[in-house]
Amino acid sequence: MADSSTAWRSYDRPHLDPVLTAAVEAFNEVGYHGATVRDIARRCGLSVAGIYHHHAGKQEMLVAILASTMDELMWRNEAARRAGGDDPVARFCNQIETLALSHMYWLKQAAIGSTEMRALAPHNRGAIVARRAELQRHIQDDVDLAVSRGLFRTAHPKDAVRAVVGMCIQTGQWYDAGGEMSPEQVASDIVQVALDTVAYRTHAEENASA
């Protein structure tokens, strides 16, 4: 796991084994309930028995995919916050940037997190939901701190965070890898919209209005 000050901005292919990679493809194409272990086995070149040697079934595959996604999101979030130092505005911007980048670079894997949570058994769903809440809480903490310091002027910090997080997640639903803008360009725009959402005012703007 990388942890340098800039590694959270670098994205390779998701670190999934061949079975889970095939499951991601199948779940995206036909959905969790439409996918079969036999189809997943065919996609990764294994027998059905070979699949069960690695994963006990579809539920375990789904959990492993979502857990892997959350592992990546969490270490990147931590590194992004660390790179922001003591500045809650910088930490907020970094967290929004990496959340948006993750949902563009991992289009298929992230899509499963948006569409197949309902397929999880209750105890599995609860574990994933708790980790998502933890990540959002990190963003909320920096927004609340920035509000207390007069850096963010939103009167609705909780609603603002929900809106911004939702915006980051939705980039994976409309982003076109073949389009004119790179993920980094889109993420930069998302950060600016996020700052507008929390009503950020720079020192220069404050002085000009004084």
N, C-alpha and C. Protein backbone atom coordinates (compact mmCIF):
# COMPACT_ATOMS: atom_id res chain seq x y z
N MET A 1 0.85 -1.20 0.00
CA MET A 1 0.00 0.00 0.00
C MET A 1 0.89 1.25 0.00
N ALA A 2 0.72 2.08 -1.01
CA ALA A 2 1.53 3.30 -1.11
C ALA A 2 1.02 4.34 -0.12
N ASP A 3 1.93 5.20 0.36
CA ASP A 3 1.48 6.22 1.30
C ASP A 3 2.27 7.51 1.16
N SER A 4 2.89 7.75 0.03
CA SER A 4 3.63 8.99 -0.16
C SER A 4 2.65 10.14 -0.32
N SER A 5 3.17 11.37 -0.30
CA SER A 5 2.30 12.54 -0.31
C SER A 5 1.56 12.72 -1.63
N THR A 6 1.99 12.07 -2.69
CA THR A 6 1.32 12.22 -3.99
C THR A 6 0.74 10.92 -4.53
N ALA A 7 1.01 9.79 -3.88
CA ALA A 7 0.56 8.49 -4.41
C ALA A 7 -0.95 8.40 -4.51
N TRP A 8 -1.67 9.14 -3.68
CA TRP A 8 -3.13 9.06 -3.72
C TRP A 8 -3.72 9.63 -5.00
N ARG A 9 -2.91 10.35 -5.77
CA ARG A 9 -3.38 10.89 -7.03
C ARG A 9 -3.08 9.96 -8.22
N SER A 10 -2.35 8.88 -7.98
CA SER A 10 -1.94 7.97 -9.05
C SER A 10 -2.83 6.73 -9.04
N TYR A 11 -3.31 6.36 -10.22
CA TYR A 11 -4.23 5.23 -10.32
C TYR A 11 -3.75 4.22 -11.35
N ASP A 12 -3.67 2.97 -10.91
CA ASP A 12 -3.44 1.85 -11.80
C ASP A 12 -4.74 1.07 -11.93
N ARG A 13 -4.67 -0.07 -12.57
CA ARG A 13 -5.83 -0.93 -12.63
C ARG A 13 -6.16 -1.43 -11.22
N PRO A 14 -7.44 -1.65 -10.92
CA PRO A 14 -7.80 -2.17 -9.59
C PRO A 14 -7.05 -3.47 -9.28
N HIS A 15 -6.62 -3.61 -8.05
CA HIS A 15 -5.85 -4.78 -7.65
C HIS A 15 -6.79 -5.91 -7.25
N LEU A 16 -7.40 -6.54 -8.26
CA LEU A 16 -8.33 -7.64 -8.04
C LEU A 16 -7.79 -8.89 -8.71
N ASP A 17 -8.05 -10.04 -8.10
CA ASP A 17 -7.62 -11.28 -8.74
C ASP A 17 -8.50 -11.56 -9.96
N PRO A 18 -8.10 -12.50 -10.83
CA PRO A 18 -8.86 -12.75 -12.07
C PRO A 18 -10.32 -13.09 -11.85
N VAL A 19 -10.62 -13.81 -10.78
CA VAL A 19 -12.01 -14.17 -10.51
C VAL A 19 -12.84 -12.93 -10.20
N LEU A 20 -12.32 -12.06 -9.36
CA LEU A 20 -13.06 -10.85 -9.00
C LEU A 20 -13.15 -9.89 -10.18
N THR A 21 -12.11 -9.85 -11.00
CA THR A 21 -12.15 -9.02 -12.21
C THR A 21 -13.27 -9.50 -13.13
N ALA A 22 -13.39 -10.82 -13.28
CA ALA A 22 -14.46 -11.38 -14.09
C ALA A 22 -15.82 -11.10 -13.46
N ALA A 23 -15.90 -11.16 -12.13
CA ALA A 23 -17.15 -10.87 -11.44
C ALA A 23 -17.57 -9.42 -11.64
N VAL A 24 -16.62 -8.51 -11.61
CA VAL A 24 -16.92 -7.10 -11.87
C VAL A 24 -17.55 -6.95 -13.25
N GLU A 25 -16.98 -7.59 -14.25
CA GLU A 25 -17.52 -7.53 -15.61
C GLU A 25 -18.94 -8.09 -15.64
N ALA A 26 -19.13 -9.26 -15.04
CA ALA A 26 -20.44 -9.90 -15.06
C ALA A 26 -21.49 -9.08 -14.32
N PHE A 27 -21.14 -8.59 -13.13
CA PHE A 27 -22.10 -7.81 -12.34
C PHE A 27 -22.49 -6.53 -13.07
N ASN A 28 -21.56 -5.92 -13.80
CA ASN A 28 -21.88 -4.71 -14.54
C ASN A 28 -22.76 -5.00 -15.75
N GLU A 29 -22.53 -6.12 -16.39
CA GLU A 29 -23.27 -6.43 -17.61
C GLU A 29 -24.68 -6.96 -17.34
N VAL A 30 -24.82 -7.85 -16.37
CA VAL A 30 -26.13 -8.49 -16.15
C VAL A 30 -26.64 -8.34 -14.73
N GLY A 31 -25.89 -7.66 -13.88
CA GLY A 31 -26.30 -7.48 -12.50
C GLY A 31 -25.92 -8.65 -11.62
N TYR A 32 -25.91 -8.42 -10.33
CA TYR A 32 -25.52 -9.46 -9.39
C TYR A 32 -26.43 -10.68 -9.51
N HIS A 33 -27.74 -10.43 -9.53
CA HIS A 33 -28.67 -11.55 -9.55
C HIS A 33 -28.70 -12.25 -10.91
N GLY A 34 -28.36 -11.53 -11.96
CA GLY A 34 -28.34 -12.14 -13.28
C GLY A 34 -27.08 -12.93 -13.56
N ALA A 35 -26.01 -12.64 -12.85
CA ALA A 35 -24.73 -13.32 -13.07
C ALA A 35 -24.75 -14.71 -12.43
N THR A 36 -24.05 -15.62 -13.05
CA THR A 36 -23.93 -16.97 -12.50
C THR A 36 -22.46 -17.29 -12.26
N VAL A 37 -22.21 -18.18 -11.33
CA VAL A 37 -20.83 -18.61 -11.06
C VAL A 37 -20.24 -19.24 -12.31
N ARG A 38 -21.05 -19.96 -13.06
CA ARG A 38 -20.57 -20.59 -14.30
C ARG A 38 -20.10 -19.53 -15.31
N ASP A 39 -20.86 -18.45 -15.43
CA ASP A 39 -20.47 -17.38 -16.36
C ASP A 39 -19.19 -16.71 -15.89
N ILE A 40 -19.07 -16.46 -14.60
CA ILE A 40 -17.86 -15.84 -14.05
C ILE A 40 -16.66 -16.75 -14.30
N ALA A 41 -16.87 -18.06 -14.10
CA ALA A 41 -15.79 -19.02 -14.35
C ALA A 41 -15.35 -18.98 -15.81
N ARG A 42 -16.32 -18.91 -16.70
CA ARG A 42 -15.99 -18.85 -18.13
C ARG A 42 -15.18 -17.61 -18.46
N ARG A 43 -15.53 -16.49 -17.86
CA ARG A 43 -14.87 -15.23 -18.15
C ARG A 43 -13.41 -15.22 -17.70
N CYS A 44 -13.11 -15.95 -16.63
CA CYS A 44 -11.73 -15.94 -16.13
C CYS A 44 -10.98 -17.22 -16.46
N GLY A 45 -11.60 -18.09 -17.24
CA GLY A 45 -10.90 -19.29 -17.71
C GLY A 45 -10.71 -20.36 -16.67
N LEU A 46 -11.61 -20.44 -15.69
CA LEU A 46 -11.54 -21.47 -14.67
C LEU A 46 -12.78 -22.36 -14.74
N SER A 47 -12.70 -23.49 -14.10
CA SER A 47 -13.87 -24.33 -13.94
C SER A 47 -14.69 -23.80 -12.76
N VAL A 48 -15.92 -24.25 -12.67
CA VAL A 48 -16.75 -23.84 -11.54
C VAL A 48 -16.09 -24.30 -10.23
N ALA A 49 -15.55 -25.51 -10.24
CA ALA A 49 -14.85 -26.00 -9.04
C ALA A 49 -13.65 -25.12 -8.71
N GLY A 50 -12.96 -24.65 -9.76
CA GLY A 50 -11.82 -23.77 -9.55
C GLY A 50 -12.23 -22.45 -8.92
N ILE A 51 -13.40 -21.93 -9.32
CA ILE A 51 -13.92 -20.70 -8.73
C ILE A 51 -14.12 -20.88 -7.23
N TYR A 52 -14.75 -21.98 -6.85
CA TYR A 52 -15.06 -22.21 -5.43
C TYR A 52 -13.79 -22.45 -4.62
N HIS A 53 -12.71 -22.77 -5.28
CA HIS A 53 -11.44 -22.90 -4.57
C HIS A 53 -10.96 -21.54 -4.07
N HIS A 54 -11.32 -20.50 -4.82
CA HIS A 54 -10.88 -19.14 -4.47
C HIS A 54 -11.94 -18.36 -3.68
N HIS A 55 -13.21 -18.53 -4.05
CA HIS A 55 -14.29 -17.77 -3.42
C HIS A 55 -15.48 -18.69 -3.20
N ALA A 56 -16.11 -18.57 -2.05
CA ALA A 56 -17.18 -19.50 -1.67
C ALA A 56 -18.45 -19.32 -2.50
N GLY A 57 -18.62 -18.15 -3.12
CA GLY A 57 -19.82 -17.92 -3.90
C GLY A 57 -19.94 -16.48 -4.33
N LYS A 58 -21.06 -16.12 -4.95
CA LYS A 58 -21.23 -14.76 -5.47
C LYS A 58 -21.25 -13.72 -4.35
N GLN A 59 -21.88 -14.05 -3.22
CA GLN A 59 -21.94 -13.08 -2.13
C GLN A 59 -20.54 -12.73 -1.65
N GLU A 60 -19.69 -13.73 -1.51
CA GLU A 60 -18.32 -13.49 -1.07
C GLU A 60 -17.54 -12.69 -2.10
N MET A 61 -17.82 -12.93 -3.38
CA MET A 61 -17.18 -12.15 -4.44
C MET A 61 -17.60 -10.68 -4.35
N LEU A 62 -18.89 -10.45 -4.17
CA LEU A 62 -19.39 -9.09 -4.08
C LEU A 62 -18.79 -8.37 -2.88
N VAL A 63 -18.75 -9.05 -1.75
CA VAL A 63 -18.16 -8.46 -0.54
C VAL A 63 -16.69 -8.13 -0.76
N ALA A 64 -15.96 -9.05 -1.40
CA ALA A 64 -14.53 -8.84 -1.64
C ALA A 64 -14.30 -7.64 -2.56
N ILE A 65 -15.15 -7.50 -3.58
CA ILE A 65 -15.01 -6.36 -4.51
C ILE A 65 -15.26 -5.05 -3.76
N LEU A 66 -16.34 -4.99 -3.01
CA LEU A 66 -16.67 -3.76 -2.29
C LEU A 66 -15.66 -3.45 -1.20
N ALA A 67 -15.16 -4.48 -0.52
CA ALA A 67 -14.16 -4.27 0.53
C ALA A 67 -12.86 -3.76 -0.08
N SER A 68 -12.49 -4.30 -1.24
CA SER A 68 -11.28 -3.83 -1.92
C SER A 68 -11.42 -2.36 -2.31
N THR A 69 -12.60 -2.00 -2.81
CA THR A 69 -12.85 -0.60 -3.16
C THR A 69 -12.72 0.30 -1.94
N MET A 70 -13.30 -0.12 -0.83
CA MET A 70 -13.25 0.69 0.38
C MET A 70 -11.82 0.79 0.92
N ASP A 71 -11.05 -0.30 0.83
CA ASP A 71 -9.65 -0.25 1.26
C ASP A 71 -8.90 0.84 0.50
N GLU A 72 -9.11 0.87 -0.81
CA GLU A 72 -8.45 1.88 -1.65
C GLU A 72 -8.93 3.29 -1.30
N LEU A 73 -10.23 3.45 -1.17
CA LEU A 73 -10.78 4.77 -0.85
C LEU A 73 -10.26 5.27 0.49
N MET A 74 -10.15 4.37 1.46
CA MET A 74 -9.76 4.80 2.80
C MET A 74 -8.30 5.21 2.88
N TRP A 75 -7.39 4.44 2.26
CA TRP A 75 -5.99 4.84 2.37
C TRP A 75 -5.73 6.10 1.55
N ARG A 76 -6.44 6.24 0.43
CA ARG A 76 -6.28 7.46 -0.37
C ARG A 76 -6.83 8.66 0.38
N ASN A 77 -7.96 8.48 1.05
CA ASN A 77 -8.53 9.56 1.84
C ASN A 77 -7.58 9.98 2.95
N GLU A 78 -7.00 8.99 3.62
CA GLU A 78 -6.05 9.30 4.69
C GLU A 78 -4.83 10.05 4.16
N ALA A 79 -4.28 9.58 3.03
CA ALA A 79 -3.11 10.23 2.44
C ALA A 79 -3.45 11.63 1.96
N ALA A 80 -4.66 11.80 1.41
CA ALA A 80 -5.08 13.12 0.94
C ALA A 80 -5.21 14.10 2.09
N ARG A 81 -5.76 13.62 3.21
CA ARG A 81 -5.87 14.49 4.39
C ARG A 81 -4.49 14.85 4.92
N ARG A 82 -3.60 13.87 4.96
CA ARG A 82 -2.25 14.11 5.46
C ARG A 82 -1.52 15.13 4.59
N ALA A 83 -1.75 15.05 3.28
CA ALA A 83 -1.10 15.99 2.36
C ALA A 83 -1.61 17.42 2.55
N GLY A 84 -2.81 17.56 3.13
CA GLY A 84 -3.36 18.89 3.37
C GLY A 84 -2.84 19.56 4.62
N GLY A 85 -2.04 18.84 5.40
CA GLY A 85 -1.45 19.43 6.59
C GLY A 85 -2.49 19.88 7.59
N ASP A 86 -2.30 21.10 8.14
CA ASP A 86 -3.20 21.63 9.15
C ASP A 86 -4.31 22.50 8.58
N ASP A 87 -4.41 22.56 7.27
CA ASP A 87 -5.38 23.43 6.60
C ASP A 87 -6.64 22.63 6.27
N PRO A 88 -7.77 22.90 6.93
CA PRO A 88 -8.99 22.12 6.65
C PRO A 88 -9.50 22.32 5.23
N VAL A 89 -9.23 23.48 4.64
CA VAL A 89 -9.67 23.73 3.26
C VAL A 89 -8.88 22.83 2.30
N ALA A 90 -7.57 22.76 2.49
CA ALA A 90 -6.73 21.91 1.64
C ALA A 90 -7.11 20.44 1.83
N ARG A 91 -7.36 20.05 3.06
CA ARG A 91 -7.75 18.65 3.31
C ARG A 91 -9.08 18.34 2.64
N PHE A 92 -10.02 19.26 2.73
CA PHE A 92 -11.32 19.08 2.08
C PHE A 92 -11.14 18.93 0.57
N CYS A 93 -10.38 19.83 -0.03
CA CYS A 93 -10.17 19.79 -1.49
C CYS A 93 -9.52 18.48 -1.91
N ASN A 94 -8.53 18.05 -1.17
CA ASN A 94 -7.84 16.80 -1.51
C ASN A 94 -8.78 15.59 -1.41
N GLN A 95 -9.60 15.58 -0.38
CA GLN A 95 -10.52 14.46 -0.21
C GLN A 95 -11.55 14.41 -1.34
N ILE A 96 -12.04 15.56 -1.75
CA ILE A 96 -13.00 15.60 -2.84
C ILE A 96 -12.33 15.19 -4.15
N GLU A 97 -11.12 15.64 -4.34
CA GLU A 97 -10.38 15.28 -5.56
C GLU A 97 -10.20 13.77 -5.68
N THR A 98 -9.74 13.14 -4.61
CA THR A 98 -9.47 11.70 -4.70
C THR A 98 -10.76 10.89 -4.78
N LEU A 99 -11.83 11.35 -4.14
CA LEU A 99 -13.10 10.63 -4.24
C LEU A 99 -13.63 10.68 -5.67
N ALA A 100 -13.53 11.84 -6.30
CA ALA A 100 -13.98 11.96 -7.69
C ALA A 100 -13.10 11.13 -8.62
N LEU A 101 -11.78 11.21 -8.44
CA LEU A 101 -10.87 10.43 -9.29
C LEU A 101 -11.15 8.94 -9.18
N SER A 102 -11.41 8.48 -7.98
CA SER A 102 -11.66 7.05 -7.77
C SER A 102 -12.85 6.58 -8.57
N HIS A 103 -13.90 7.39 -8.62
CA HIS A 103 -15.11 6.97 -9.32
C HIS A 103 -15.01 7.12 -10.83
N MET A 104 -13.99 7.81 -11.31
CA MET A 104 -13.77 7.87 -12.76
C MET A 104 -12.78 6.81 -13.22
N TYR A 105 -11.71 6.61 -12.46
CA TYR A 105 -10.72 5.61 -12.85
C TYR A 105 -11.23 4.18 -12.65
N TRP A 106 -12.10 3.99 -11.67
CA TRP A 106 -12.64 2.66 -11.38
C TRP A 106 -14.12 2.63 -11.72
N LEU A 107 -14.46 2.98 -12.96
CA LEU A 107 -15.85 3.11 -13.36
C LEU A 107 -16.67 1.86 -13.03
N LYS A 108 -16.20 0.70 -13.47
CA LYS A 108 -16.98 -0.52 -13.30
C LYS A 108 -17.02 -0.98 -11.86
N GLN A 109 -15.89 -0.93 -11.20
CA GLN A 109 -15.84 -1.37 -9.81
C GLN A 109 -16.67 -0.45 -8.92
N ALA A 110 -16.56 0.87 -9.15
CA ALA A 110 -17.32 1.82 -8.34
C ALA A 110 -18.82 1.71 -8.62
N ALA A 111 -19.17 1.38 -9.87
CA ALA A 111 -20.58 1.26 -10.22
C ALA A 111 -21.27 0.17 -9.40
N ILE A 112 -20.54 -0.89 -9.11
CA ILE A 112 -21.12 -1.98 -8.31
C ILE A 112 -21.49 -1.48 -6.91
N GLY A 113 -20.67 -0.58 -6.38
CA GLY A 113 -20.98 -0.02 -5.07
C GLY A 113 -22.24 0.81 -5.08
N SER A 114 -22.62 1.33 -6.25
CA SER A 114 -23.83 2.15 -6.36
C SER A 114 -25.07 1.32 -6.67
N THR A 115 -24.89 0.18 -7.35
CA THR A 115 -26.05 -0.57 -7.83
C THR A 115 -26.34 -1.86 -7.09
N GLU A 116 -25.33 -2.43 -6.42
CA GLU A 116 -25.52 -3.77 -5.88
C GLU A 116 -25.48 -3.86 -4.36
N MET A 117 -25.51 -2.74 -3.67
CA MET A 117 -25.52 -2.79 -2.20
C MET A 117 -26.74 -3.55 -1.69
N ARG A 118 -27.85 -3.45 -2.41
CA ARG A 118 -29.07 -4.13 -1.98
C ARG A 118 -28.93 -5.65 -2.03
N ALA A 119 -27.94 -6.14 -2.79
CA ALA A 119 -27.74 -7.58 -2.91
C ALA A 119 -26.94 -8.15 -1.74
N LEU A 120 -26.38 -7.30 -0.90
CA LEU A 120 -25.58 -7.78 0.23
C LEU A 120 -26.47 -8.31 1.35
N ALA A 121 -26.00 -9.34 2.02
CA ALA A 121 -26.65 -9.80 3.24
C ALA A 121 -26.56 -8.68 4.27
N PRO A 122 -27.53 -8.59 5.19
CA PRO A 122 -27.56 -7.46 6.13
C PRO A 122 -26.26 -7.20 6.87
N HIS A 123 -25.59 -8.24 7.38
CA HIS A 123 -24.36 -8.00 8.14
C HIS A 123 -23.24 -7.51 7.22
N ASN A 124 -23.22 -7.97 5.98
CA ASN A 124 -22.22 -7.48 5.03
C ASN A 124 -22.50 -6.04 4.63
N ARG A 125 -23.77 -5.74 4.42
CA ARG A 125 -24.14 -4.37 4.07
C ARG A 125 -23.78 -3.41 5.18
N GLY A 126 -24.03 -3.83 6.42
CA GLY A 126 -23.72 -2.97 7.55
C GLY A 126 -22.25 -2.63 7.64
N ALA A 127 -21.39 -3.59 7.34
CA ALA A 127 -19.94 -3.35 7.41
C ALA A 127 -19.50 -2.34 6.37
N ILE A 128 -20.03 -2.46 5.15
CA ILE A 128 -19.66 -1.53 4.09
C ILE A 128 -20.22 -0.14 4.38
N VAL A 129 -21.46 -0.08 4.83
CA VAL A 129 -22.08 1.20 5.15
C VAL A 129 -21.30 1.92 6.24
N ALA A 130 -20.81 1.18 7.22
CA ALA A 130 -20.05 1.79 8.31
C ALA A 130 -18.76 2.42 7.80
N ARG A 131 -18.10 1.76 6.86
CA ARG A 131 -16.86 2.31 6.31
C ARG A 131 -17.14 3.54 5.45
N ARG A 132 -18.23 3.51 4.72
CA ARG A 132 -18.61 4.69 3.94
C ARG A 132 -18.89 5.87 4.86
N ALA A 133 -19.58 5.59 5.95
CA ALA A 133 -19.89 6.65 6.91
C ALA A 133 -18.62 7.23 7.51
N GLU A 134 -17.64 6.36 7.77
CA GLU A 134 -16.38 6.84 8.32
C GLU A 134 -15.68 7.78 7.35
N LEU A 135 -15.66 7.41 6.07
CA LEU A 135 -15.02 8.26 5.07
C LEU A 135 -15.73 9.61 4.99
N GLN A 136 -17.06 9.58 4.96
CA GLN A 136 -17.80 10.83 4.88
C GLN A 136 -17.60 11.66 6.14
N ARG A 137 -17.41 11.01 7.27
CA ARG A 137 -17.19 11.73 8.53
C ARG A 137 -15.87 12.50 8.49
N HIS A 138 -14.85 11.96 7.83
CA HIS A 138 -13.59 12.68 7.69
C HIS A 138 -13.79 13.98 6.92
N ILE A 139 -14.58 13.91 5.86
CA ILE A 139 -14.87 15.12 5.08
C ILE A 139 -15.68 16.09 5.93
N GLN A 140 -16.67 15.56 6.65
CA GLN A 140 -17.51 16.41 7.48
C GLN A 140 -16.70 17.12 8.56
N ASP A 141 -15.75 16.43 9.15
CA ASP A 141 -14.93 17.04 10.20
C ASP A 141 -14.18 18.26 9.68
N ASP A 142 -13.63 18.16 8.47
CA ASP A 142 -12.89 19.30 7.93
C ASP A 142 -13.83 20.43 7.52
N VAL A 143 -15.00 20.09 7.01
CA VAL A 143 -15.98 21.13 6.69
C VAL A 143 -16.41 21.85 7.97
N ASP A 144 -16.70 21.09 9.01
CA ASP A 144 -17.12 21.72 10.27
C ASP A 144 -16.02 22.62 10.84
N LEU A 145 -14.77 22.17 10.73
CA LEU A 145 -13.66 22.98 11.23
C LEU A 145 -13.52 24.26 10.41
N ALA A 146 -13.64 24.12 9.08
CA ALA A 146 -13.53 25.31 8.22
C ALA A 146 -14.68 26.28 8.48
N VAL A 147 -15.87 25.76 8.76
CA VAL A 147 -17.01 26.63 9.10
C VAL A 147 -16.73 27.37 10.41
N SER A 148 -16.19 26.66 11.39
CA SER A 148 -15.92 27.29 12.68
C SER A 148 -14.87 28.39 12.58
N ARG A 149 -14.01 28.28 11.57
CA ARG A 149 -12.96 29.29 11.36
C ARG A 149 -13.40 30.38 10.39
N GLY A 150 -14.63 30.32 9.93
CA GLY A 150 -15.13 31.33 9.01
C GLY A 150 -14.63 31.18 7.59
N LEU A 151 -14.04 30.03 7.27
CA LEU A 151 -13.52 29.79 5.92
C LEU A 151 -14.60 29.29 4.97
N PHE A 152 -15.50 28.46 5.48
CA PHE A 152 -16.68 28.04 4.74
C PHE A 152 -17.89 28.71 5.38
N ARG A 153 -18.76 29.26 4.57
CA ARG A 153 -19.87 30.05 5.11
C ARG A 153 -21.23 29.38 4.92
N THR A 154 -21.23 28.13 4.51
CA THR A 154 -22.50 27.45 4.36
C THR A 154 -23.23 27.37 5.70
N ALA A 155 -24.54 27.57 5.63
CA ALA A 155 -25.36 27.44 6.84
C ALA A 155 -25.85 26.01 7.03
N HIS A 156 -25.52 25.15 6.07
CA HIS A 156 -25.99 23.77 6.09
C HIS A 156 -24.84 22.81 5.80
N PRO A 157 -23.87 22.72 6.70
CA PRO A 157 -22.67 21.92 6.43
C PRO A 157 -22.93 20.44 6.19
N LYS A 158 -23.89 19.85 6.90
CA LYS A 158 -24.17 18.43 6.70
C LYS A 158 -24.79 18.18 5.34
N ASP A 159 -25.73 19.02 4.96
CA ASP A 159 -26.35 18.88 3.64
C ASP A 159 -25.33 19.12 2.54
N ALA A 160 -24.43 20.08 2.78
CA ALA A 160 -23.40 20.38 1.78
C ALA A 160 -22.49 19.18 1.56
N VAL A 161 -22.10 18.51 2.64
CA VAL A 161 -21.23 17.34 2.51
C VAL A 161 -21.95 16.22 1.78
N ARG A 162 -23.22 15.99 2.12
CA ARG A 162 -23.97 14.95 1.42
C ARG A 162 -24.03 15.25 -0.08
N ALA A 163 -24.27 16.51 -0.43
CA ALA A 163 -24.37 16.88 -1.83
C ALA A 163 -23.04 16.70 -2.56
N VAL A 164 -21.95 17.10 -1.91
CA VAL A 164 -20.63 17.01 -2.53
C VAL A 164 -20.20 15.56 -2.71
N VAL A 165 -20.42 14.74 -1.69
CA VAL A 165 -20.07 13.32 -1.81
C VAL A 165 -20.88 12.67 -2.91
N GLY A 166 -22.18 12.99 -2.97
CA GLY A 166 -23.01 12.45 -4.03
C GLY A 166 -22.53 12.88 -5.41
N MET A 167 -22.08 14.11 -5.53
CA MET A 167 -21.56 14.61 -6.80
C MET A 167 -20.33 13.83 -7.23
N CYS A 168 -19.44 13.52 -6.28
CA CYS A 168 -18.24 12.75 -6.60
C CYS A 168 -18.61 11.35 -7.09
N ILE A 169 -19.55 10.72 -6.40
CA ILE A 169 -19.97 9.37 -6.78
C ILE A 169 -20.59 9.37 -8.17
N GLN A 170 -21.37 10.40 -8.47
CA GLN A 170 -22.07 10.44 -9.75
C GLN A 170 -21.15 10.69 -10.95
N THR A 171 -19.92 11.14 -10.70
CA THR A 171 -19.01 11.32 -11.84
C THR A 171 -18.80 10.00 -12.56
N GLY A 172 -18.81 8.89 -11.81
CA GLY A 172 -18.63 7.59 -12.42
C GLY A 172 -19.79 7.18 -13.30
N GLN A 173 -20.93 7.85 -13.17
CA GLN A 173 -22.11 7.50 -13.95
C GLN A 173 -22.16 8.24 -15.28
N TRP A 174 -21.47 9.40 -15.35
CA TRP A 174 -21.54 10.15 -16.61
C TRP A 174 -20.19 10.37 -17.27
N TYR A 175 -19.09 10.14 -16.56
CA TYR A 175 -17.78 10.41 -17.13
C TYR A 175 -17.52 9.50 -18.33
N ASP A 176 -17.00 10.09 -19.40
CA ASP A 176 -16.67 9.37 -20.63
C ASP A 176 -15.16 9.36 -20.80
N ALA A 177 -14.56 8.18 -20.66
CA ALA A 177 -13.11 8.07 -20.78
C ALA A 177 -12.61 8.47 -22.15
N GLY A 178 -13.48 8.43 -23.14
CA GLY A 178 -13.10 8.84 -24.49
C GLY A 178 -13.40 10.30 -24.78
N GLY A 179 -13.83 11.03 -23.80
CA GLY A 179 -14.19 12.43 -23.99
C GLY A 179 -12.98 13.35 -24.00
N GLU A 180 -13.25 14.64 -24.02
CA GLU A 180 -12.19 15.63 -24.15
C GLU A 180 -11.46 15.90 -22.84
N MET A 181 -12.11 15.66 -21.72
CA MET A 181 -11.51 16.00 -20.43
C MET A 181 -10.95 14.76 -19.75
N SER A 182 -9.79 14.91 -19.13
CA SER A 182 -9.19 13.82 -18.35
C SER A 182 -9.86 13.76 -16.99
N PRO A 183 -9.70 12.63 -16.28
CA PRO A 183 -10.25 12.57 -14.93
C PRO A 183 -9.71 13.69 -14.04
N GLU A 184 -8.45 14.04 -14.22
CA GLU A 184 -7.86 15.10 -13.40
C GLU A 184 -8.52 16.45 -13.67
N GLN A 185 -8.84 16.72 -14.93
CA GLN A 185 -9.51 17.97 -15.26
C GLN A 185 -10.91 18.01 -14.67
N VAL A 186 -11.61 16.90 -14.79
CA VAL A 186 -12.96 16.83 -14.22
C VAL A 186 -12.90 16.98 -12.71
N ALA A 187 -11.96 16.29 -12.07
CA ALA A 187 -11.83 16.36 -10.61
C ALA A 187 -11.53 17.78 -10.16
N SER A 188 -10.72 18.50 -10.93
CA SER A 188 -10.42 19.90 -10.59
C SER A 188 -11.69 20.74 -10.62
N ASP A 189 -12.53 20.51 -11.63
CA ASP A 189 -13.80 21.24 -11.71
C ASP A 189 -14.72 20.86 -10.55
N ILE A 190 -14.73 19.57 -10.22
CA ILE A 190 -15.56 19.10 -9.11
C ILE A 190 -15.15 19.78 -7.80
N VAL A 191 -13.86 19.92 -7.60
CA VAL A 191 -13.36 20.58 -6.39
C VAL A 191 -13.87 22.02 -6.34
N GLN A 192 -13.85 22.71 -7.47
CA GLN A 192 -14.33 24.10 -7.49
C GLN A 192 -15.82 24.17 -7.18
N VAL A 193 -16.59 23.25 -7.74
CA VAL A 193 -18.02 23.22 -7.45
C VAL A 193 -18.24 22.91 -5.96
N ALA A 194 -17.42 22.01 -5.42
CA ALA A 194 -17.52 21.68 -4.01
C ALA A 194 -17.25 22.89 -3.13
N LEU A 195 -16.24 23.69 -3.50
CA LEU A 195 -15.94 24.90 -2.74
C LEU A 195 -17.09 25.90 -2.83
N ASP A 196 -17.73 25.98 -3.98
CA ASP A 196 -18.91 26.84 -4.10
C ASP A 196 -20.04 26.34 -3.20
N THR A 197 -20.17 25.02 -3.12
CA THR A 197 -21.24 24.42 -2.33
C THR A 197 -21.09 24.75 -0.84
N VAL A 198 -19.86 24.77 -0.36
CA VAL A 198 -19.64 25.09 1.06
C VAL A 198 -19.42 26.58 1.27
N ALA A 199 -19.60 27.38 0.20
CA ALA A 199 -19.49 28.84 0.28
C ALA A 199 -18.13 29.29 0.79
N TYR A 200 -17.10 28.83 0.11
CA TYR A 200 -15.73 29.20 0.47
C TYR A 200 -15.43 30.60 -0.05
N ARG A 201 -14.78 31.39 0.78
CA ARG A 201 -14.33 32.72 0.37
C ARG A 201 -12.84 32.84 0.67
N THR A 202 -12.09 33.22 -0.34
CA THR A 202 -10.66 33.41 -0.14
C THR A 202 -10.42 34.67 0.67
N HIS A 203 -9.18 34.79 1.18
CA HIS A 203 -8.82 35.99 1.93
C HIS A 203 -8.93 37.23 1.06
N ALA A 204 -8.60 37.11 -0.20
CA ALA A 204 -8.68 38.26 -1.12
C ALA A 204 -10.13 38.71 -1.27
N GLU A 205 -11.05 37.75 -1.38
CA GLU A 205 -12.47 38.10 -1.50
C GLU A 205 -12.99 38.74 -0.22
N GLU A 206 -12.52 38.24 0.91
CA GLU A 206 -12.94 38.83 2.17
C GLU A 206 -12.47 40.27 2.31
N ASN A 207 -11.20 40.51 1.93
CA ASN A 207 -10.64 41.86 2.02
C ASN A 207 -11.34 42.81 1.07
N ALA A 208 -11.72 42.30 -0.13
CA ALA A 208 -12.36 43.15 -1.11
C ALA A 208 -13.74 43.59 -0.67
N SER A 209 -14.41 42.72 0.10
CA SER A 209 -15.77 43.05 0.55
C SER A 209 -15.79 43.81 1.86
N ALA A 210 -14.62 43.93 2.49
CA ALA A 210 -14.55 44.60 3.79
C ALA A 210 -14.75 46.11 3.64
